Every structure is written in C-alpha cells, then in structure tokens.
Full PDB file with SEQRES, HELIX, SHEET, SSBOND, CRYST1, ORIGX, SCALE, CONECT and MASTER records, all heavy atoms in Angstrom:
SEQRES   1 A   32  ILE GLU GLU ILE GLU LYS GLU ASN ARG GLY THR LYS ILE          
SEQRES   2 A   32  SER PHE LYS LEU LYS ASP ASP GLN LYS GLU PHE ALA ASP          
SEQRES   3 A   32  ASP TRP LYS VAL LYS SER                                      
HELIX    1 AA1 ASP A   19  ALA A   25  5                                   7    
HELIX    2 AA2 ASP A   27  LYS A   31  1                                   5    
CRYST1    1.000    1.000    1.000  90.00  90.00  90.00 P 1           1          
ORIGX1      1.000000  0.000000  0.000000        0.00000                         
ORIGX2      0.000000  1.000000  0.000000        0.00000                         
ORIGX3      0.000000  0.000000  1.000000        0.00000                         
SCALE1      1.000000  0.000000  0.000000        0.00000                         
SCALE2      0.000000  1.000000  0.000000        0.00000                         
SCALE3      0.000000  0.000000  1.000000        0.00000                         
ATOM      1  N   ILE A   1       8.167 -12.459  -9.271  1.00  0.00           N  
ATOM      2  CA  ILE A   1       7.439 -11.717 -10.298  1.00  0.00           C  
ATOM      3  C   ILE A   1       6.511 -12.687 -11.011  1.00  0.00           C  
ATOM      4  O   ILE A   1       6.930 -13.764 -11.423  1.00  0.00           O  
ATOM      5  CB  ILE A   1       8.398 -11.068 -11.322  1.00  0.00           C  
ATOM      6  CG1 ILE A   1       9.339 -10.064 -10.627  1.00  0.00           C  
ATOM      7  CG2 ILE A   1       7.602 -10.375 -12.437  1.00  0.00           C  
ATOM      8  CD1 ILE A   1      10.337  -9.413 -11.564  1.00  0.00           C  
ATOM      9  N   GLU A   2       5.258 -12.294 -11.143  1.00  0.00           N  
ATOM     10  CA  GLU A   2       4.300 -13.149 -11.840  1.00  0.00           C  
ATOM     11  C   GLU A   2       3.377 -12.299 -12.699  1.00  0.00           C  
ATOM     12  O   GLU A   2       3.117 -11.134 -12.401  1.00  0.00           O  
ATOM     13  CB  GLU A   2       3.473 -13.966 -10.844  1.00  0.00           C  
ATOM     14  CG  GLU A   2       2.686 -13.125  -9.851  1.00  0.00           C  
ATOM     15  CD  GLU A   2       1.910 -13.983  -8.883  1.00  0.00           C  
ATOM     16  OE1 GLU A   2       1.055 -14.767  -9.345  1.00  0.00           O  
ATOM     17  OE2 GLU A   2       2.164 -13.848  -7.662  1.00  0.00           O  
ATOM     18  N   GLU A   3       2.893 -12.889 -13.777  1.00  0.00           N  
ATOM     19  CA  GLU A   3       1.967 -12.203 -14.660  1.00  0.00           C  
ATOM     20  C   GLU A   3       0.572 -12.237 -14.043  1.00  0.00           C  
ATOM     21  O   GLU A   3       0.144 -13.261 -13.501  1.00  0.00           O  
ATOM     22  CB  GLU A   3       1.955 -12.870 -16.032  1.00  0.00           C  
ATOM     23  CG  GLU A   3       1.182 -12.095 -17.078  1.00  0.00           C  
ATOM     24  CD  GLU A   3       1.316 -12.723 -18.460  1.00  0.00           C  
ATOM     25  OE1 GLU A   3       2.382 -13.324 -18.744  1.00  0.00           O  
ATOM     26  OE2 GLU A   3       0.350 -12.609 -19.247  1.00  0.00           O  
ATOM     27  N   ILE A   4      -0.164 -11.123 -14.150  1.00  0.00           N  
ATOM     28  CA  ILE A   4      -1.490 -11.026 -13.563  1.00  0.00           C  
ATOM     29  C   ILE A   4      -2.444 -10.374 -14.559  1.00  0.00           C  
ATOM     30  O   ILE A   4      -2.026  -9.837 -15.598  1.00  0.00           O  
ATOM     31  CB  ILE A   4      -1.481 -10.196 -12.254  1.00  0.00           C  
ATOM     32  CG1 ILE A   4      -1.008  -8.765 -12.540  1.00  0.00           C  
ATOM     33  CG2 ILE A   4      -0.654 -10.870 -11.170  1.00  0.00           C  
ATOM     34  CD1 ILE A   4      -1.162  -7.824 -11.378  1.00  0.00           C  
ATOM     35  N   GLU A   5      -3.717 -10.458 -14.243  1.00  0.00           N  
ATOM     36  CA  GLU A   5      -4.732  -9.773 -15.027  1.00  0.00           C  
ATOM     37  C   GLU A   5      -4.964  -8.379 -14.436  1.00  0.00           C  
ATOM     38  O   GLU A   5      -5.198  -8.236 -13.250  1.00  0.00           O  
ATOM     39  CB  GLU A   5      -6.044 -10.566 -15.003  1.00  0.00           C  
ATOM     40  CG  GLU A   5      -5.978 -11.902 -15.719  1.00  0.00           C  
ATOM     41  CD  GLU A   5      -5.749 -11.731 -17.226  1.00  0.00           C  
ATOM     42  OE1 GLU A   5      -6.270 -10.733 -17.780  1.00  0.00           O  
ATOM     43  OE2 GLU A   5      -5.046 -12.572 -17.829  1.00  0.00           O  
ATOM     44  N   LYS A   6      -4.854  -7.338 -15.267  1.00  0.00           N  
ATOM     45  CA  LYS A   6      -5.069  -5.959 -14.809  1.00  0.00           C  
ATOM     46  C   LYS A   6      -5.594  -5.151 -15.984  1.00  0.00           C  
ATOM     47  O   LYS A   6      -4.940  -5.048 -17.019  1.00  0.00           O  
ATOM     48  CB  LYS A   6      -3.761  -5.352 -14.279  1.00  0.00           C  
ATOM     49  CG  LYS A   6      -3.915  -3.999 -13.595  1.00  0.00           C  
ATOM     50  CD  LYS A   6      -2.560  -3.535 -13.031  1.00  0.00           C  
ATOM     51  CE  LYS A   6      -2.676  -2.293 -12.185  1.00  0.00           C  
ATOM     52  NZ  LYS A   6      -3.148  -1.115 -12.914  1.00  0.00           N  
ATOM     53  N   GLU A   7      -6.772  -4.611 -15.847  1.00  0.00           N  
ATOM     54  CA  GLU A   7      -7.410  -3.926 -16.965  1.00  0.00           C  
ATOM     55  C   GLU A   7      -6.784  -2.560 -17.262  1.00  0.00           C  
ATOM     56  O   GLU A   7      -6.501  -2.228 -18.409  1.00  0.00           O  
ATOM     57  CB  GLU A   7      -8.908  -3.746 -16.676  1.00  0.00           C  
ATOM     58  CG  GLU A   7      -9.690  -5.050 -16.660  1.00  0.00           C  
ATOM     59  CD  GLU A   7     -11.168  -4.797 -16.525  1.00  0.00           C  
ATOM     60  OE1 GLU A   7     -11.586  -3.614 -16.590  1.00  0.00           O  
ATOM     61  OE2 GLU A   7     -11.916  -5.783 -16.345  1.00  0.00           O  
ATOM     62  N   ASN A   8      -6.570  -1.771 -16.228  1.00  0.00           N  
ATOM     63  CA  ASN A   8      -6.108  -0.394 -16.435  1.00  0.00           C  
ATOM     64  C   ASN A   8      -4.588  -0.281 -16.347  1.00  0.00           C  
ATOM     65  O   ASN A   8      -3.930  -1.014 -15.601  1.00  0.00           O  
ATOM     66  CB  ASN A   8      -6.738   0.537 -15.408  1.00  0.00           C  
ATOM     67  CG  ASN A   8      -8.252   0.535 -15.496  1.00  0.00           C  
ATOM     68  OD1 ASN A   8      -8.814   0.479 -16.590  1.00  0.00           O  
ATOM     69  ND2 ASN A   8      -8.907   0.573 -14.349  1.00  0.00           N  
ATOM     70  N   ARG A   9      -4.064   0.645 -17.097  1.00  0.00           N  
ATOM     71  CA  ARG A   9      -2.629   0.919 -17.044  1.00  0.00           C  
ATOM     72  C   ARG A   9      -2.301   1.593 -15.711  1.00  0.00           C  
ATOM     73  O   ARG A   9      -3.170   2.090 -14.998  1.00  0.00           O  
ATOM     74  CB  ARG A   9      -2.197   1.828 -18.185  1.00  0.00           C  
ATOM     75  CG  ARG A   9      -2.773   3.240 -18.061  1.00  0.00           C  
ATOM     76  CD  ARG A   9      -2.262   4.143 -19.146  1.00  0.00           C  
ATOM     77  NE  ARG A   9      -2.728   5.510 -18.930  1.00  0.00           N  
ATOM     78  CZ  ARG A   9      -2.381   6.541 -19.688  1.00  0.00           C  
ATOM     79  NH1 ARG A   9      -1.573   6.344 -20.721  1.00  0.00           N  
ATOM     80  NH2 ARG A   9      -2.838   7.750 -19.419  1.00  0.00           N  
ATOM     81  N   GLY A  10      -1.005   1.655 -15.363  1.00  0.00           N  
ATOM     82  CA  GLY A  10      -0.580   2.324 -14.146  1.00  0.00           C  
ATOM     83  C   GLY A  10      -0.013   1.358 -13.128  1.00  0.00           C  
ATOM     84  O   GLY A  10       0.135   0.162 -13.393  1.00  0.00           O  
ATOM     85  N   THR A  11       0.295   1.905 -11.944  1.00  0.00           N  
ATOM     86  CA  THR A  11       0.963   1.118 -10.905  1.00  0.00           C  
ATOM     87  C   THR A  11       0.258   1.277  -9.574  1.00  0.00           C  
ATOM     88  O   THR A  11      -0.139   2.383  -9.199  1.00  0.00           O  
ATOM     89  CB  THR A  11       2.433   1.566 -10.755  1.00  0.00           C  
ATOM     90  OG1 THR A  11       3.110   1.368 -11.996  1.00  0.00           O  
ATOM     91  CG2 THR A  11       3.135   0.759  -9.668  1.00  0.00           C  
ATOM     92  N   LYS A  12       0.108   0.196  -8.873  1.00  0.00           N  
ATOM     93  CA  LYS A  12      -0.465   0.199  -7.526  1.00  0.00           C  
ATOM     94  C   LYS A  12       0.542  -0.457  -6.591  1.00  0.00           C  
ATOM     95  O   LYS A  12       1.009  -1.558  -6.854  1.00  0.00           O  
ATOM     96  CB  LYS A  12      -1.783  -0.573  -7.508  1.00  0.00           C  
ATOM     97  CG  LYS A  12      -2.403  -0.698  -6.119  1.00  0.00           C  
ATOM     98  CD  LYS A  12      -3.669  -1.554  -6.164  1.00  0.00           C  
ATOM     99  CE  LYS A  12      -4.255  -1.742  -4.775  1.00  0.00           C  
ATOM    100  NZ  LYS A  12      -5.455  -2.635  -4.808  1.00  0.00           N  
ATOM    101  N   ILE A  13       0.870   0.242  -5.497  1.00  0.00           N  
ATOM    102  CA  ILE A  13       1.808  -0.285  -4.505  1.00  0.00           C  
ATOM    103  C   ILE A  13       1.036  -0.547  -3.215  1.00  0.00           C  
ATOM    104  O   ILE A  13       0.356   0.341  -2.699  1.00  0.00           O  
ATOM    105  CB  ILE A  13       2.949   0.708  -4.219  1.00  0.00           C  
ATOM    106  CG1 ILE A  13       3.708   1.029  -5.513  1.00  0.00           C  
ATOM    107  CG2 ILE A  13       3.911   0.141  -3.171  1.00  0.00           C  
ATOM    108  CD1 ILE A  13       4.753   2.118  -5.344  1.00  0.00           C  
ATOM    109  N   SER A  14       1.111  -1.742  -2.698  1.00  0.00           N  
ATOM    110  CA  SER A  14       0.450  -2.080  -1.432  1.00  0.00           C  
ATOM    111  C   SER A  14       1.431  -2.817  -0.545  1.00  0.00           C  
ATOM    112  O   SER A  14       2.409  -3.404  -1.025  1.00  0.00           O  
ATOM    113  CB  SER A  14      -0.803  -2.937  -1.677  1.00  0.00           C  
ATOM    114  OG  SER A  14      -0.468  -4.101  -2.417  1.00  0.00           O  
ATOM    115  N   PHE A  15       1.186  -2.788   0.757  1.00  0.00           N  
ATOM    116  CA  PHE A  15       2.134  -3.406   1.683  1.00  0.00           C  
ATOM    117  C   PHE A  15       1.452  -3.790   2.977  1.00  0.00           C  
ATOM    118  O   PHE A  15       0.375  -3.279   3.320  1.00  0.00           O  
ATOM    119  CB  PHE A  15       3.325  -2.478   1.974  1.00  0.00           C  
ATOM    120  CG  PHE A  15       2.930  -1.053   2.187  1.00  0.00           C  
ATOM    121  CD1 PHE A  15       2.460  -0.616   3.408  1.00  0.00           C  
ATOM    122  CD2 PHE A  15       3.025  -0.135   1.147  1.00  0.00           C  
ATOM    123  CE1 PHE A  15       2.104   0.695   3.617  1.00  0.00           C  
ATOM    124  CE2 PHE A  15       2.664   1.188   1.345  1.00  0.00           C  
ATOM    125  CZ  PHE A  15       2.198   1.608   2.586  1.00  0.00           C  
ATOM    126  N   LYS A  16       2.080  -4.688   3.692  1.00  0.00           N  
ATOM    127  CA  LYS A  16       1.600  -5.137   4.994  1.00  0.00           C  
ATOM    128  C   LYS A  16       2.518  -4.539   6.058  1.00  0.00           C  
ATOM    129  O   LYS A  16       3.706  -4.838   6.111  1.00  0.00           O  
ATOM    130  CB  LYS A  16       1.629  -6.664   5.081  1.00  0.00           C  
ATOM    131  CG  LYS A  16       1.132  -7.210   6.414  1.00  0.00           C  
ATOM    132  CD  LYS A  16       1.230  -8.731   6.428  1.00  0.00           C  
ATOM    133  CE  LYS A  16       0.772  -9.274   7.796  1.00  0.00           C  
ATOM    134  NZ  LYS A  16       0.900 -10.748   7.875  1.00  0.00           N  
ATOM    135  N   LEU A  17       1.950  -3.667   6.898  1.00  0.00           N  
ATOM    136  CA  LEU A  17       2.750  -2.988   7.922  1.00  0.00           C  
ATOM    137  C   LEU A  17       3.151  -3.938   9.042  1.00  0.00           C  
ATOM    138  O   LEU A  17       2.400  -4.857   9.392  1.00  0.00           O  
ATOM    139  CB  LEU A  17       1.969  -1.816   8.514  1.00  0.00           C  
ATOM    140  CG  LEU A  17       1.764  -0.600   7.618  1.00  0.00           C  
ATOM    141  CD1 LEU A  17       0.732   0.330   8.209  1.00  0.00           C  
ATOM    142  CD2 LEU A  17       3.081   0.137   7.403  1.00  0.00           C  
ATOM    143  N   LYS A  18       4.316  -3.680   9.617  1.00  0.00           N  
ATOM    144  CA  LYS A  18       4.737  -4.425  10.803  1.00  0.00           C  
ATOM    145  C   LYS A  18       3.818  -4.072  11.968  1.00  0.00           C  
ATOM    146  O   LYS A  18       3.226  -2.989  11.997  1.00  0.00           O  
ATOM    147  CB  LYS A  18       6.184  -4.078  11.147  1.00  0.00           C  
ATOM    148  CG  LYS A  18       7.193  -4.539  10.110  1.00  0.00           C  
ATOM    149  CD  LYS A  18       8.619  -4.147  10.510  1.00  0.00           C  
ATOM    150  CE  LYS A  18       9.612  -4.619   9.465  1.00  0.00           C  
ATOM    151  NZ  LYS A  18      11.009  -4.255   9.815  1.00  0.00           N  
ATOM    152  N   ASP A  19       3.732  -4.979  12.927  1.00  0.00           N  
ATOM    153  CA  ASP A  19       2.808  -4.761  14.040  1.00  0.00           C  
ATOM    154  C   ASP A  19       3.098  -3.472  14.808  1.00  0.00           C  
ATOM    155  O   ASP A  19       2.181  -2.809  15.293  1.00  0.00           O  
ATOM    156  CB  ASP A  19       2.858  -5.963  15.004  1.00  0.00           C  
ATOM    157  CG  ASP A  19       2.239  -7.211  14.391  1.00  0.00           C  
ATOM    158  OD1 ASP A  19       1.420  -7.062  13.454  1.00  0.00           O  
ATOM    159  OD2 ASP A  19       2.567  -8.325  14.839  1.00  0.00           O  
ATOM    160  N   ASP A  20       4.394  -3.111  14.930  1.00  0.00           N  
ATOM    161  CA  ASP A  20       4.743  -1.917  15.703  1.00  0.00           C  
ATOM    162  C   ASP A  20       4.797  -0.658  14.841  1.00  0.00           C  
ATOM    163  O   ASP A  20       5.260   0.390  15.283  1.00  0.00           O  
ATOM    164  CB  ASP A  20       6.085  -2.122  16.418  1.00  0.00           C  
ATOM    165  CG  ASP A  20       7.222  -2.389  15.444  1.00  0.00           C  
ATOM    166  OD1 ASP A  20       6.932  -2.648  14.256  1.00  0.00           O  
ATOM    167  OD2 ASP A  20       8.399  -2.330  15.866  1.00  0.00           O  
ATOM    168  N   GLN A  21       4.333  -0.755  13.593  1.00  0.00           N  
ATOM    169  CA  GLN A  21       4.342   0.408  12.698  1.00  0.00           C  
ATOM    170  C   GLN A  21       2.953   0.701  12.129  1.00  0.00           C  
ATOM    171  O   GLN A  21       2.816   1.339  11.094  1.00  0.00           O  
ATOM    172  CB  GLN A  21       5.319   0.163  11.527  1.00  0.00           C  
ATOM    173  CG  GLN A  21       6.749  -0.123  11.941  1.00  0.00           C  
ATOM    174  CD  GLN A  21       7.424   1.087  12.562  1.00  0.00           C  
ATOM    175  OE1 GLN A  21       6.978   2.209  12.375  1.00  0.00           O  
ATOM    176  NE2 GLN A  21       8.502   0.854  13.308  1.00  0.00           N  
ATOM    177  N   LYS A  22       1.931   0.251  12.827  1.00  0.00           N  
ATOM    178  CA  LYS A  22       0.561   0.395  12.323  1.00  0.00           C  
ATOM    179  C   LYS A  22       0.110   1.863  12.232  1.00  0.00           C  
ATOM    180  O   LYS A  22      -0.868   2.171  11.564  1.00  0.00           O  
ATOM    181  CB  LYS A  22      -0.405  -0.378  13.232  1.00  0.00           C  
ATOM    182  CG  LYS A  22      -0.237  -1.896  13.160  1.00  0.00           C  
ATOM    183  CD  LYS A  22      -0.591  -2.420  11.779  1.00  0.00           C  
ATOM    184  CE  LYS A  22      -0.388  -3.924  11.673  1.00  0.00           C  
ATOM    185  NZ  LYS A  22      -1.276  -4.693  12.558  1.00  0.00           N  
ATOM    186  N   GLU A  23       0.838   2.769  12.902  1.00  0.00           N  
ATOM    187  CA  GLU A  23       0.441   4.177  12.853  1.00  0.00           C  
ATOM    188  C   GLU A  23       0.486   4.734  11.431  1.00  0.00           C  
ATOM    189  O   GLU A  23      -0.208   5.696  11.093  1.00  0.00           O  
ATOM    190  CB  GLU A  23       1.340   5.022  13.753  1.00  0.00           C  
ATOM    191  CG  GLU A  23       2.795   5.064  13.321  1.00  0.00           C  
ATOM    192  CD  GLU A  23       3.622   6.058  14.132  1.00  0.00           C  
ATOM    193  OE1 GLU A  23       3.012   6.961  14.736  1.00  0.00           O  
ATOM    194  OE2 GLU A  23       4.851   5.922  14.152  1.00  0.00           O  
ATOM    195  N   PHE A  24       1.294   4.095  10.558  1.00  0.00           N  
ATOM    196  CA  PHE A  24       1.397   4.571   9.185  1.00  0.00           C  
ATOM    197  C   PHE A  24       0.172   4.237   8.348  1.00  0.00           C  
ATOM    198  O   PHE A  24       0.100   4.587   7.170  1.00  0.00           O  
ATOM    199  CB  PHE A  24       2.663   4.017   8.520  1.00  0.00           C  
ATOM    200  CG  PHE A  24       3.930   4.638   9.057  1.00  0.00           C  
ATOM    201  CD1 PHE A  24       4.729   3.956   9.953  1.00  0.00           C  
ATOM    202  CD2 PHE A  24       4.298   5.918   8.665  1.00  0.00           C  
ATOM    203  CE1 PHE A  24       5.882   4.534  10.457  1.00  0.00           C  
ATOM    204  CE2 PHE A  24       5.446   6.504   9.165  1.00  0.00           C  
ATOM    205  CZ  PHE A  24       6.235   5.813  10.062  1.00  0.00           C  
ATOM    206  N   ALA A  25      -0.791   3.545   8.954  1.00  0.00           N  
ATOM    207  CA  ALA A  25      -2.071   3.310   8.286  1.00  0.00           C  
ATOM    208  C   ALA A  25      -3.104   4.362   8.689  1.00  0.00           C  
ATOM    209  O   ALA A  25      -4.209   4.388   8.137  1.00  0.00           O  
ATOM    210  CB  ALA A  25      -2.587   1.911   8.622  1.00  0.00           C  
ATOM    211  N   ASP A  26      -2.753   5.210   9.653  1.00  0.00           N  
ATOM    212  CA  ASP A  26      -3.671   6.245  10.118  1.00  0.00           C  
ATOM    213  C   ASP A  26      -3.646   7.452   9.185  1.00  0.00           C  
ATOM    214  O   ASP A  26      -2.586   7.892   8.737  1.00  0.00           O  
ATOM    215  CB  ASP A  26      -3.297   6.693  11.530  1.00  0.00           C  
ATOM    216  CG  ASP A  26      -3.462   5.579  12.553  1.00  0.00           C  
ATOM    217  OD1 ASP A  26      -4.292   4.679  12.293  1.00  0.00           O  
ATOM    218  OD2 ASP A  26      -2.767   5.616  13.586  1.00  0.00           O  
ATOM    219  N   ASP A  27      -4.823   7.984   8.917  1.00  0.00           N  
ATOM    220  CA  ASP A  27      -4.928   9.134   8.018  1.00  0.00           C  
ATOM    221  C   ASP A  27      -4.053  10.298   8.470  1.00  0.00           C  
ATOM    222  O   ASP A  27      -3.346  10.915   7.672  1.00  0.00           O  
ATOM    223  CB  ASP A  27      -6.388   9.606   7.950  1.00  0.00           C  
ATOM    224  CG  ASP A  27      -7.232   8.705   7.066  1.00  0.00           C  
ATOM    225  OD1 ASP A  27      -6.703   7.669   6.627  1.00  0.00           O  
ATOM    226  OD2 ASP A  27      -8.411   9.033   6.840  1.00  0.00           O  
ATOM    227  N   TRP A  28      -4.090  10.622   9.765  1.00  0.00           N  
ATOM    228  CA  TRP A  28      -3.372  11.795  10.263  1.00  0.00           C  
ATOM    229  C   TRP A  28      -1.874  11.674  10.049  1.00  0.00           C  
ATOM    230  O   TRP A  28      -1.194  12.660   9.752  1.00  0.00           O  
ATOM    231  CB  TRP A  28      -3.667  12.013  11.753  1.00  0.00           C  
ATOM    232  CG  TRP A  28      -3.072  10.971  12.657  1.00  0.00           C  
ATOM    233  CD1 TRP A  28      -3.647   9.817  13.082  1.00  0.00           C  
ATOM    234  CD2 TRP A  28      -1.753  10.984  13.214  1.00  0.00           C  
ATOM    235  NE1 TRP A  28      -2.784   9.099  13.875  1.00  0.00           N  
ATOM    236  CE2 TRP A  28      -1.607   9.797  13.982  1.00  0.00           C  
ATOM    237  CE3 TRP A  28      -0.669  11.872  13.162  1.00  0.00           C  
ATOM    238  CZ2 TRP A  28      -0.439   9.472  14.678  1.00  0.00           C  
ATOM    239  CZ3 TRP A  28       0.498  11.564  13.844  1.00  0.00           C  
ATOM    240  CH2 TRP A  28       0.600  10.369  14.595  1.00  0.00           C  
ATOM    241  N   LYS A  29      -1.360  10.432  10.172  1.00  0.00           N  
ATOM    242  CA  LYS A  29       0.074  10.218  10.002  1.00  0.00           C  
ATOM    243  C   LYS A  29       0.479  10.400   8.547  1.00  0.00           C  
ATOM    244  O   LYS A  29       1.459  11.082   8.235  1.00  0.00           O  
ATOM    245  CB  LYS A  29       0.455   8.811  10.478  1.00  0.00           C  
ATOM    246  CG  LYS A  29       1.961   8.536  10.448  1.00  0.00           C  
ATOM    247  CD  LYS A  29       2.700   9.399  11.454  1.00  0.00           C  
ATOM    248  CE  LYS A  29       4.171   9.041  11.524  1.00  0.00           C  
ATOM    249  NZ  LYS A  29       4.896   9.866  12.503  1.00  0.00           N  
ATOM    250  N   VAL A  30      -0.299   9.827   7.651  1.00  0.00           N  
ATOM    251  CA  VAL A  30      -0.004   9.941   6.220  1.00  0.00           C  
ATOM    252  C   VAL A  30      -0.110  11.398   5.778  1.00  0.00           C  
ATOM    253  O   VAL A  30       0.742  11.909   5.049  1.00  0.00           O  
ATOM    254  CB  VAL A  30      -0.964   9.059   5.400  1.00  0.00           C  
ATOM    255  CG1 VAL A  30      -0.689   9.228   3.900  1.00  0.00           C  
ATOM    256  CG2 VAL A  30      -0.814   7.605   5.805  1.00  0.00           C  
ATOM    257  N   LYS A  31      -1.158  12.073   6.250  1.00  0.00           N  
ATOM    258  CA  LYS A  31      -1.341  13.479   5.880  1.00  0.00           C  
ATOM    259  C   LYS A  31      -0.184  14.347   6.374  1.00  0.00           C  
ATOM    260  O   LYS A  31       0.290  15.240   5.668  1.00  0.00           O  
ATOM    261  CB  LYS A  31      -2.658  13.997   6.450  1.00  0.00           C  
ATOM    262  CG  LYS A  31      -3.891  13.421   5.778  1.00  0.00           C  
ATOM    263  CD  LYS A  31      -5.156  13.929   6.462  1.00  0.00           C  
ATOM    264  CE  LYS A  31      -6.400  13.311   5.853  1.00  0.00           C  
ATOM    265  NZ  LYS A  31      -7.632  13.751   6.565  1.00  0.00           N  
ATOM    266  N   SER A  32       0.265  14.103   7.611  1.00  0.00           N  
ATOM    267  CA  SER A  32       1.356  14.913   8.165  1.00  0.00           C  
ATOM    268  C   SER A  32       2.638  14.723   7.367  1.00  0.00           C  
ATOM    269  O   SER A  32       3.395  15.674   7.153  1.00  0.00           O  
ATOM    270  CB  SER A  32       1.586  14.561   9.632  1.00  0.00           C  
ATOM    271  OG  SER A  32       2.084  13.235   9.775  1.00  0.00           O  
TER     272      SER A  32                                                      
MASTER        0    0    0    2    0    0    0    6  271    1    0    3          
END                                                                             
C-alpha cells in the first residue's frame, strides 16, 4: 500500500491478465 496523487474521489481497479486469460479483455466477453 502506498500513498499516491489522485484528484478525483472514487475507486479504480486495474489488473494484468494471465497469458491464457486474455479473452477477458475482449469487449464481447465482458458484455456477455
């Protein structure tokens, strides 16, 4: 955990997908 600069309130979640799970970056998969 580290302190950062962030202007707006709220939460952003980001992640690095495993090589064999890249389909979860596709629009159609997320939409489904």
